[in-house]
Amino acid sequence: MNAEWQEPAPAKINLALHIVGQRTNGYHELESLCVFTELCDELTATPSDHDELVLTGPFGKVLRGERSNIVLKALSLFRQNYPNVLPDGLRIVLDKALPVAAGIGGGSADAAAMLRLANHISGLELKLEDMMDMALELGADVPMCLLSRTSFVDGVGENLDPMPDFPKLQLVLANPGKPVSTADIFRKLTEKENPPLVRDAADYRHITAITMWLEGTRNDLQKPAIQFLPEIGDMLMDLGEQKGCLLSRMSGSGATIFGMFGTAGEAMLAAQAFRKKWPNAWVAQSATL
């Protein structure tokens, strides 16, 4: 019987995202509070005579026209750094449940999951910090997705401060079904040096305190994203008006928005109501990890 290995790739949600500068190489300096959801893509690997990627799931067909995929790039990078520790070939099935170009780290999460999966298959038992350089080489969001735990993030995304006592949140995610280019949104961002994220003495163990703290934060990419796709603003307003919604905001560079709810029941009812109002949108309910 062939061996089979699986690894989830959780969605990344920026509860807050402040753009505080830009480096000479073009990378933007950011400060963010990120959470990760039970909702995820999933990678399944089996031995093969060559490396190949098979795309399945509701959003798999969106990626089939790509000349290259970040999952295979991650696998190739792992092989380069640690030769002769993996089978000669791996057949990777990516079950793509998360929308593409949606501001929730889908591709970055998939690449990070591939690094974790390769580490497990290899038997090297590398610590996550040992793989951070590879993750950053693949993209600025990949290090945080490699950890996939609630963290404060700064730099270009490589500096992580995990928050192990952060409570589980109940979220409703919604996307209008239209991809948004991160590069396009950053081009519309006129102010690159915005006020930093103030990490005060808030009690990050309780949702009420977290909500109050988040109300004083921002997503600096939300305004340019709404200019690019006004539908985001309309959806944000509607989600924020759902019963029990504590906060509504866009994640990353969009177009996915999220609503934060006090209970799973409230989130479920809000998701049902939102689907009726926005029948062509992708809507999902999920707790955080």
Protein backbone atom coordinates (compact mmCIF):
# COMPACT_ATOMS: atom_id res chain seq x y z
CA MET A 1 0.00 0.00 0.00
CA ASN A 2 1.41 3.39 -1.01
CA ALA A 3 2.26 5.89 1.68
CA GLU A 4 0.08 8.99 1.82
CA TRP A 5 0.68 12.23 3.68
CA GLN A 6 -1.70 15.15 4.24
CA GLU A 7 -1.26 18.71 5.41
CA PRO A 8 -3.83 21.53 5.86
CA ALA A 9 -3.22 25.05 4.55
CA PRO A 10 -5.34 27.36 6.76
CA ALA A 11 -6.63 30.69 5.50
CA LYS A 12 -4.86 33.77 6.88
CA ILE A 13 -6.98 36.68 8.11
CA ASN A 14 -5.47 40.08 8.88
CA LEU A 15 -7.54 41.42 11.76
CA ALA A 16 -5.50 44.61 11.45
CA LEU A 17 -2.99 45.64 8.77
CA HIS A 18 -0.96 48.84 8.99
CA ILE A 19 1.42 49.80 6.17
CA VAL A 20 4.16 51.78 7.92
CA GLY A 21 6.87 52.18 5.26
CA GLN A 22 8.48 50.93 2.08
CA ARG A 23 11.97 49.51 1.64
CA THR A 24 14.33 50.44 -1.18
CA ASN A 25 13.71 47.02 -2.77
CA GLY A 26 10.01 47.84 -3.09
CA TYR A 27 8.77 45.62 -0.25
CA HIS A 28 6.33 47.31 2.10
CA GLU A 29 6.89 47.41 5.84
CA LEU A 30 3.79 46.23 7.65
CA GLU A 31 2.44 45.65 11.13
CA SER A 32 -0.41 43.20 11.44
CA LEU A 33 -2.36 40.92 13.74
CA CYS A 34 -3.06 37.68 11.88
CA VAL A 35 -5.27 34.74 12.73
CA PHE A 36 -5.75 31.46 10.87
CA THR A 37 -8.97 29.56 10.30
CA GLU A 38 -10.13 25.98 10.49
CA LEU A 39 -11.25 26.55 6.91
CA CYS A 40 -8.34 25.50 4.71
CA ASP A 41 -6.96 24.12 1.49
CA GLU A 42 -5.45 20.64 1.85
CA LEU A 43 -2.40 19.00 0.32
CA THR A 44 -2.12 15.23 -0.11
CA ALA A 45 1.17 13.66 -1.23
CA THR A 46 1.97 10.19 -2.50
CA PRO A 47 5.24 8.80 -3.95
CA SER A 48 5.59 9.07 -7.73
CA ASP A 49 8.29 8.84 -10.38
CA HIS A 50 8.30 12.62 -10.79
CA ASP A 51 6.97 15.71 -9.05
CA GLU A 52 3.51 16.73 -10.24
CA LEU A 53 0.64 18.86 -8.99
CA VAL A 54 -3.01 17.90 -9.36
CA LEU A 55 -5.59 20.62 -8.70
CA THR A 56 -9.02 19.73 -7.31
CA GLY A 57 -11.70 21.44 -5.23
CA PRO A 58 -14.03 24.34 -6.01
CA PHE A 59 -11.21 26.75 -6.91
CA GLY A 60 -8.75 24.29 -8.43
CA LYS A 61 -9.78 25.07 -12.01
CA VAL A 62 -8.84 28.74 -11.51
CA LEU A 63 -5.18 27.72 -11.14
CA ARG A 64 -5.00 25.19 -13.96
CA GLY A 65 -3.89 27.73 -16.55
CA GLU A 66 -0.86 28.85 -14.52
CA ARG A 67 2.55 28.07 -16.02
CA SER A 68 3.97 27.42 -12.56
CA ASN A 69 2.55 27.02 -9.09
CA ILE A 70 3.99 28.14 -5.77
CA VAL A 71 3.44 24.64 -4.32
CA LEU A 72 5.88 23.11 -6.81
CA LYS A 73 8.26 26.02 -6.22
CA ALA A 74 8.19 25.24 -2.49
CA LEU A 75 8.84 21.55 -3.12
CA SER A 76 11.72 22.37 -5.48
CA LEU A 77 13.23 24.79 -2.95
CA PHE A 78 13.08 22.16 -0.21
CA ARG A 79 14.81 19.65 -2.49
CA GLN A 80 17.54 22.20 -3.26
CA ASN A 81 18.17 22.90 0.42
CA TYR A 82 17.88 19.26 1.56
CA PRO A 83 18.81 16.95 -1.32
CA ASN A 84 18.17 13.20 -1.30
CA VAL A 85 15.81 13.16 1.69
CA LEU A 86 12.51 12.95 -0.24
CA PRO A 87 11.18 10.30 -2.63
CA ASP A 88 12.37 10.80 -6.22
CA GLY A 89 8.96 12.17 -7.08
CA LEU A 90 5.83 13.29 -5.26
CA ARG A 91 2.31 13.52 -6.61
CA ILE A 92 0.73 16.47 -4.79
CA VAL A 93 -3.04 16.84 -4.84
CA LEU A 94 -4.10 20.37 -3.86
CA ASP A 95 -7.73 20.49 -2.80
CA LYS A 96 -8.35 24.20 -3.37
CA ALA A 97 -11.22 25.25 -1.09
CA LEU A 98 -10.11 28.90 -0.69
CA PRO A 99 -10.68 31.54 -3.37
CA VAL A 100 -7.67 32.73 -5.37
CA ALA A 101 -6.19 36.27 -5.18
CA ALA A 102 -8.50 36.92 -2.26
CA GLY A 103 -6.34 38.47 0.49
CA ILE A 104 -6.46 35.41 2.73
CA GLY A 105 -3.05 33.98 1.88
CA GLY A 106 -4.27 31.06 -0.21
CA GLY A 107 -1.15 30.61 -2.33
CA SER A 108 1.18 31.47 0.55
CA ALA A 109 -0.65 29.03 2.81
CA ASP A 110 -0.33 26.30 0.17
CA ALA A 111 3.42 26.92 -0.17
CA ALA A 112 3.87 26.89 3.60
CA ALA A 113 1.90 23.64 3.84
CA MET A 114 4.19 22.13 1.18
CA LEU A 115 7.26 23.02 3.26
CA ARG A 116 5.71 21.45 6.37
CA LEU A 117 4.67 18.39 4.37
CA ALA A 118 8.15 17.95 2.83
CA ASN A 119 9.67 18.28 6.29
CA HIS A 120 7.39 15.55 7.62
CA ILE A 121 7.99 13.21 4.66
CA SER A 122 11.75 13.71 4.86
CA GLY A 123 11.92 12.68 8.51
CA LEU A 124 14.32 15.54 9.19
CA GLU A 125 12.02 16.99 11.85
CA LEU A 126 13.25 20.52 11.18
CA LYS A 127 11.94 23.22 13.48
CA LEU A 128 9.77 25.86 11.82
CA GLU A 129 12.43 28.51 12.44
CA ASP A 130 14.84 26.37 10.40
CA MET A 131 12.52 26.75 7.40
CA MET A 132 11.78 30.49 7.69
CA ASP A 133 14.45 31.53 5.17
CA MET A 134 12.94 29.20 2.58
CA ALA A 135 9.48 30.55 3.41
CA LEU A 136 10.55 34.17 2.97
CA GLU A 137 12.21 33.34 -0.34
CA LEU A 138 8.82 32.13 -1.57
CA GLY A 139 6.95 35.27 -0.48
CA ALA A 140 6.43 37.78 2.31
CA ASP A 141 3.26 36.04 3.61
CA VAL A 142 4.74 32.54 3.64
CA PRO A 143 6.60 32.79 7.01
CA MET A 144 3.40 33.68 8.90
CA CYS A 145 1.54 30.92 7.04
CA LEU A 146 4.32 28.46 7.92
CA LEU A 147 3.50 29.06 11.59
CA SER A 148 -0.28 29.32 10.97
CA ARG A 149 -0.97 30.53 14.49
CA THR A 150 -2.27 33.86 15.78
CA SER A 151 0.67 36.28 15.72
CA PHE A 152 1.66 39.89 15.60
CA VAL A 153 3.67 40.34 12.41
CA ASP A 154 6.02 43.10 11.30
CA GLY A 155 8.87 43.78 8.89
CA VAL A 156 7.77 42.60 5.45
CA GLY A 157 6.11 39.65 7.16
CA GLU A 158 9.13 37.76 8.49
CA ASN A 159 9.03 38.86 12.15
CA LEU A 160 6.49 36.85 14.13
CA ASP A 161 5.35 37.20 17.73
CA PRO A 162 2.94 34.32 18.46
CA MET A 163 -0.03 34.89 20.79
CA PRO A 164 -0.69 31.45 22.35
CA ASP A 165 -3.44 32.67 24.72
CA PHE A 166 -5.48 34.37 22.00
CA PRO A 167 -9.07 33.05 22.10
CA LYS A 168 -10.87 31.21 19.31
CA LEU A 169 -12.86 33.64 17.17
CA GLN A 170 -16.00 32.98 15.15
CA LEU A 171 -15.75 34.50 11.68
CA VAL A 172 -17.87 34.90 8.59
CA LEU A 173 -15.80 35.31 5.42
CA ALA A 174 -17.18 36.68 2.16
CA ASN A 175 -15.69 37.34 -1.26
CA PRO A 176 -17.47 38.88 -4.26
CA GLY A 177 -15.94 36.29 -6.56
CA LYS A 178 -13.66 38.76 -8.32
CA PRO A 179 -9.88 38.42 -7.92
CA VAL A 180 -7.94 41.44 -6.72
CA SER A 181 -4.27 41.92 -7.58
CA THR A 182 -2.14 42.78 -4.57
CA ALA A 183 0.19 44.77 -6.83
CA ASP A 184 -2.73 46.83 -8.17
CA ILE A 185 -3.94 47.65 -4.65
CA PHE A 186 -0.48 48.72 -3.49
CA ARG A 187 -0.20 50.95 -6.57
CA LYS A 188 -3.39 52.71 -5.45
CA LEU A 189 -2.02 53.17 -1.92
CA THR A 190 -0.95 56.81 -1.91
CA GLU A 191 0.38 56.99 1.66
CA LYS A 192 3.08 54.42 2.41
CA GLU A 193 4.04 55.65 5.91
CA ASN A 194 1.00 55.34 8.15
CA PRO A 195 0.72 55.34 11.97
CA PRO A 196 2.00 52.08 13.51
CA LEU A 197 0.00 49.43 15.31
CA VAL A 198 -0.14 50.35 19.00
CA ARG A 199 0.27 47.25 21.13
CA ASP A 200 -1.03 48.51 24.45
CA ALA A 201 -1.89 46.64 27.61
CA ALA A 202 -5.08 45.19 26.13
CA ASP A 203 -6.08 41.79 27.47
CA TYR A 204 -5.81 39.70 24.33
CA ARG A 205 -7.42 36.70 26.06
CA HIS A 206 -10.95 38.11 25.92
CA ILE A 207 -13.03 38.90 22.84
CA THR A 208 -14.55 42.08 24.29
CA ALA A 209 -11.13 43.60 24.94
CA ILE A 210 -9.86 42.43 21.56
CA THR A 211 -12.83 44.04 19.80
CA MET A 212 -12.29 47.35 21.60
CA TRP A 213 -8.60 47.27 20.67
CA LEU A 214 -9.33 46.39 17.05
CA GLU A 215 -11.68 49.37 16.73
CA GLY A 216 -8.61 51.58 17.07
CA THR A 217 -6.77 49.76 14.26
CA ARG A 218 -7.10 49.71 10.47
CA ASN A 219 -6.47 47.89 7.26
CA ASP A 220 -4.60 50.51 5.23
CA LEU A 221 -5.31 48.59 2.02
CA GLN A 222 -9.08 48.66 2.49
CA LYS A 223 -9.65 52.15 1.04
CA PRO A 224 -7.65 51.58 -2.18
CA ALA A 225 -9.28 48.17 -2.58
CA ILE A 226 -12.76 49.71 -2.37
CA GLN A 227 -11.68 52.27 -4.99
CA PHE A 228 -10.61 49.36 -7.18
CA LEU A 229 -13.74 47.29 -6.45
CA PRO A 230 -16.60 49.29 -4.83
CA GLU A 231 -18.51 46.07 -4.17
CA ILE A 232 -16.15 45.45 -1.23
CA GLY A 233 -17.50 48.53 0.54
CA ASP A 234 -21.12 47.50 0.00
CA MET A 235 -20.45 44.00 1.32
CA LEU A 236 -18.60 45.37 4.35
CA MET A 237 -21.55 47.55 5.26
CA ASP A 238 -24.01 44.68 4.93
CA LEU A 239 -21.88 42.26 6.94
CA GLY A 240 -21.36 44.82 9.69
CA GLU A 241 -25.14 45.19 10.02
CA GLN A 242 -25.69 41.48 10.64
CA LYS A 243 -26.92 40.70 14.15
CA GLY A 244 -24.05 39.93 16.52
CA CYS A 245 -21.29 41.32 14.28
CA LEU A 246 -18.60 42.83 16.50
CA LEU A 247 -16.34 44.07 13.70
CA SER A 248 -16.28 43.93 9.91
CA ARG A 249 -13.14 44.60 7.88
CA MET A 250 -11.28 43.54 4.76
CA SER A 251 -8.42 41.04 5.02
CA GLY A 252 -5.07 41.64 3.35
CA SER A 253 -5.33 43.32 -0.03
CA GLY A 254 -8.86 41.97 -0.55
CA ALA A 255 -11.32 41.25 -1.84
CA THR A 256 -12.27 38.93 1.05
CA ILE A 257 -13.95 40.60 4.01
CA PHE A 258 -14.63 39.16 7.45
CA GLY A 259 -17.11 39.68 10.23
CA MET A 260 -16.21 38.78 13.81
CA PHE A 261 -18.99 37.30 15.96
CA GLY A 262 -19.37 36.44 19.62
CA THR A 263 -20.79 32.95 19.10
CA ALA A 264 -20.81 30.24 16.45
CA GLY A 265 -24.61 30.42 16.32
CA GLU A 266 -24.57 34.13 15.51
CA ALA A 267 -21.94 33.55 12.83
CA MET A 268 -23.96 30.72 11.29
CA LEU A 269 -27.16 32.81 11.09
CA ALA A 270 -25.26 35.78 9.70
CA ALA A 271 -23.64 33.63 7.01
CA GLN A 272 -27.04 32.26 6.01
CA ALA A 273 -28.56 35.75 5.78
CA PHE A 274 -25.57 37.12 3.90
CA ARG A 275 -25.72 34.33 1.30
CA LYS A 276 -29.32 35.26 0.54
CA LYS A 277 -28.40 38.91 0.04
CA TRP A 278 -25.27 38.14 -1.98
CA PRO A 279 -26.13 34.93 -3.87
CA ASN A 280 -23.13 35.20 -6.22
CA ALA A 281 -20.58 35.72 -3.46
CA TRP A 282 -18.45 33.09 -1.78
CA VAL A 283 -19.49 33.00 1.87
CA ALA A 284 -18.03 30.76 4.58
CA GLN A 285 -18.23 30.46 8.33
CA SER A 286 -15.20 29.30 10.30
CA ALA A 287 -13.63 29.38 13.72
CA THR A 288 -10.00 30.33 14.11
CA LEU A 289 -7.31 27.87 15.14
